[in-house]
Amino acid sequence: MTTALMALALLALGYTLGRLRPLHRALDWANWQSYRTARPAGLRYAAMFALLSAENLTWLAAHPAQGWHAWKHRNDPPPPRSPAVRINDRPGPR
């Protein structure tokens, strides 16, 4: 009986966490804090920095090859632009 009750409690907890998505909401909050006009200070800045750092480190741990490629090409110049379009101003046959 206790095993079934424990499984039901874990299922309810997983469902609740899946619906509330607390980590996703916290990361959204941290991203929006970095776009505010007034920079956050004190504990708000520390919380924002910790959340965004954890997100970046988790991404780098999950995708090491893409992270290394991005690090190698972080200061590459933009690709050259294509030549301008030429427009002939000659009247065509009518």
Protein backbone atom coordinates (compact mmCIF):
# COMPACT_ATOMS: atom_id res chain seq x y z
CA MET A 1 0.00 0.00 0.00
CA THR A 2 2.76 2.45 0.88
CA THR A 3 4.56 1.76 -2.42
CA ALA A 4 1.45 2.58 -4.41
CA LEU A 5 0.90 5.71 -2.34
CA MET A 6 4.55 6.75 -2.85
CA ALA A 7 4.26 6.21 -6.61
CA LEU A 8 1.06 8.24 -6.72
CA ALA A 9 2.69 11.06 -4.73
CA LEU A 10 5.70 11.11 -7.08
CA LEU A 11 3.39 11.14 -10.08
CA ALA A 12 1.44 14.08 -8.63
CA LEU A 13 4.68 15.93 -7.83
CA GLY A 14 6.00 15.39 -11.37
CA TYR A 15 2.73 16.58 -12.87
CA THR A 16 2.73 19.69 -10.69
CA LEU A 17 6.34 20.55 -11.52
CA GLY A 18 5.63 19.97 -15.20
CA ARG A 19 2.67 22.35 -15.13
CA LEU A 20 4.34 25.07 -13.06
CA ARG A 21 7.78 24.87 -14.75
CA PRO A 22 9.56 26.80 -11.99
CA LEU A 23 13.03 26.59 -13.55
CA HIS A 24 11.74 27.86 -16.90
CA ARG A 25 10.01 30.78 -15.19
CA ALA A 26 13.16 31.62 -13.21
CA LEU A 27 15.30 31.61 -16.35
CA ASP A 28 12.78 33.80 -18.17
CA TRP A 29 12.90 36.22 -15.24
CA ALA A 30 16.72 36.29 -15.34
CA ASN A 31 16.78 36.94 -19.09
CA TRP A 32 14.32 39.82 -18.77
CA GLN A 33 16.35 41.32 -15.93
CA SER A 34 19.32 41.61 -18.27
CA TYR A 35 17.22 43.64 -20.77
CA ARG A 36 15.93 46.22 -18.28
CA THR A 37 17.02 49.83 -18.63
CA ALA A 38 18.11 49.99 -14.99
CA ARG A 39 20.70 47.32 -14.28
CA PRO A 40 19.79 45.15 -11.29
CA ALA A 41 22.04 45.43 -8.25
CA GLY A 42 22.65 43.53 -5.05
CA LEU A 43 20.83 40.25 -4.50
CA ARG A 44 18.81 40.62 -7.70
CA TYR A 45 22.01 40.85 -9.73
CA ALA A 46 23.51 37.87 -7.89
CA ALA A 47 20.41 35.76 -8.53
CA MET A 48 20.31 36.78 -12.20
CA PHE A 49 24.02 36.04 -12.65
CA ALA A 50 23.76 32.66 -10.91
CA LEU A 51 20.76 31.54 -12.98
CA LEU A 52 22.22 32.62 -16.31
CA SER A 53 25.62 31.12 -15.48
CA ALA A 54 24.01 27.82 -14.51
CA GLU A 55 22.02 27.84 -17.76
CA ASN A 56 25.15 28.49 -19.83
CA LEU A 57 27.24 25.86 -18.04
CA THR A 58 24.45 23.30 -18.40
CA TRP A 59 24.22 24.04 -22.12
CA LEU A 60 28.00 23.72 -22.50
CA ALA A 61 27.97 20.39 -20.63
CA ALA A 62 25.18 19.08 -22.86
CA HIS A 63 26.63 20.42 -26.16
CA PRO A 64 30.45 20.54 -25.91
CA ALA A 65 31.15 20.46 -29.67
CA GLN A 66 28.80 23.35 -30.48
CA GLY A 67 30.20 25.32 -27.53
CA TRP A 68 33.78 24.82 -28.72
CA HIS A 69 32.81 25.86 -32.26
CA ALA A 70 31.06 29.00 -30.95
CA TRP A 71 34.09 29.85 -28.80
CA LYS A 72 36.48 29.48 -31.76
CA HIS A 73 34.35 31.73 -33.98
CA ARG A 74 33.23 34.35 -31.43
CA ASN A 75 35.18 37.23 -33.01
CA ASP A 76 35.09 36.27 -36.68
CA PRO A 77 34.46 39.18 -39.05
CA PRO A 78 31.14 39.14 -40.88
CA PRO A 79 31.17 37.54 -44.34
CA PRO A 80 31.79 39.87 -47.29
CA ARG A 81 28.75 41.46 -48.85
CA SER A 82 27.69 40.57 -52.34
CA PRO A 83 28.15 43.16 -55.11
CA ALA A 84 25.46 45.76 -55.57
CA VAL A 85 22.67 45.16 -58.04
CA ARG A 86 23.22 46.89 -61.39
CA ILE A 87 20.22 48.53 -63.01
CA ASN A 88 20.42 49.41 -66.68
CA ASP A 89 18.50 52.56 -67.49
CA ARG A 90 18.16 51.82 -71.22
CA PRO A 91 14.68 51.78 -72.66
CA GLY A 92 13.75 48.36 -73.93
CA PRO A 93 11.95 47.44 -77.16
CA ARG A 94 8.31 48.40 -77.32
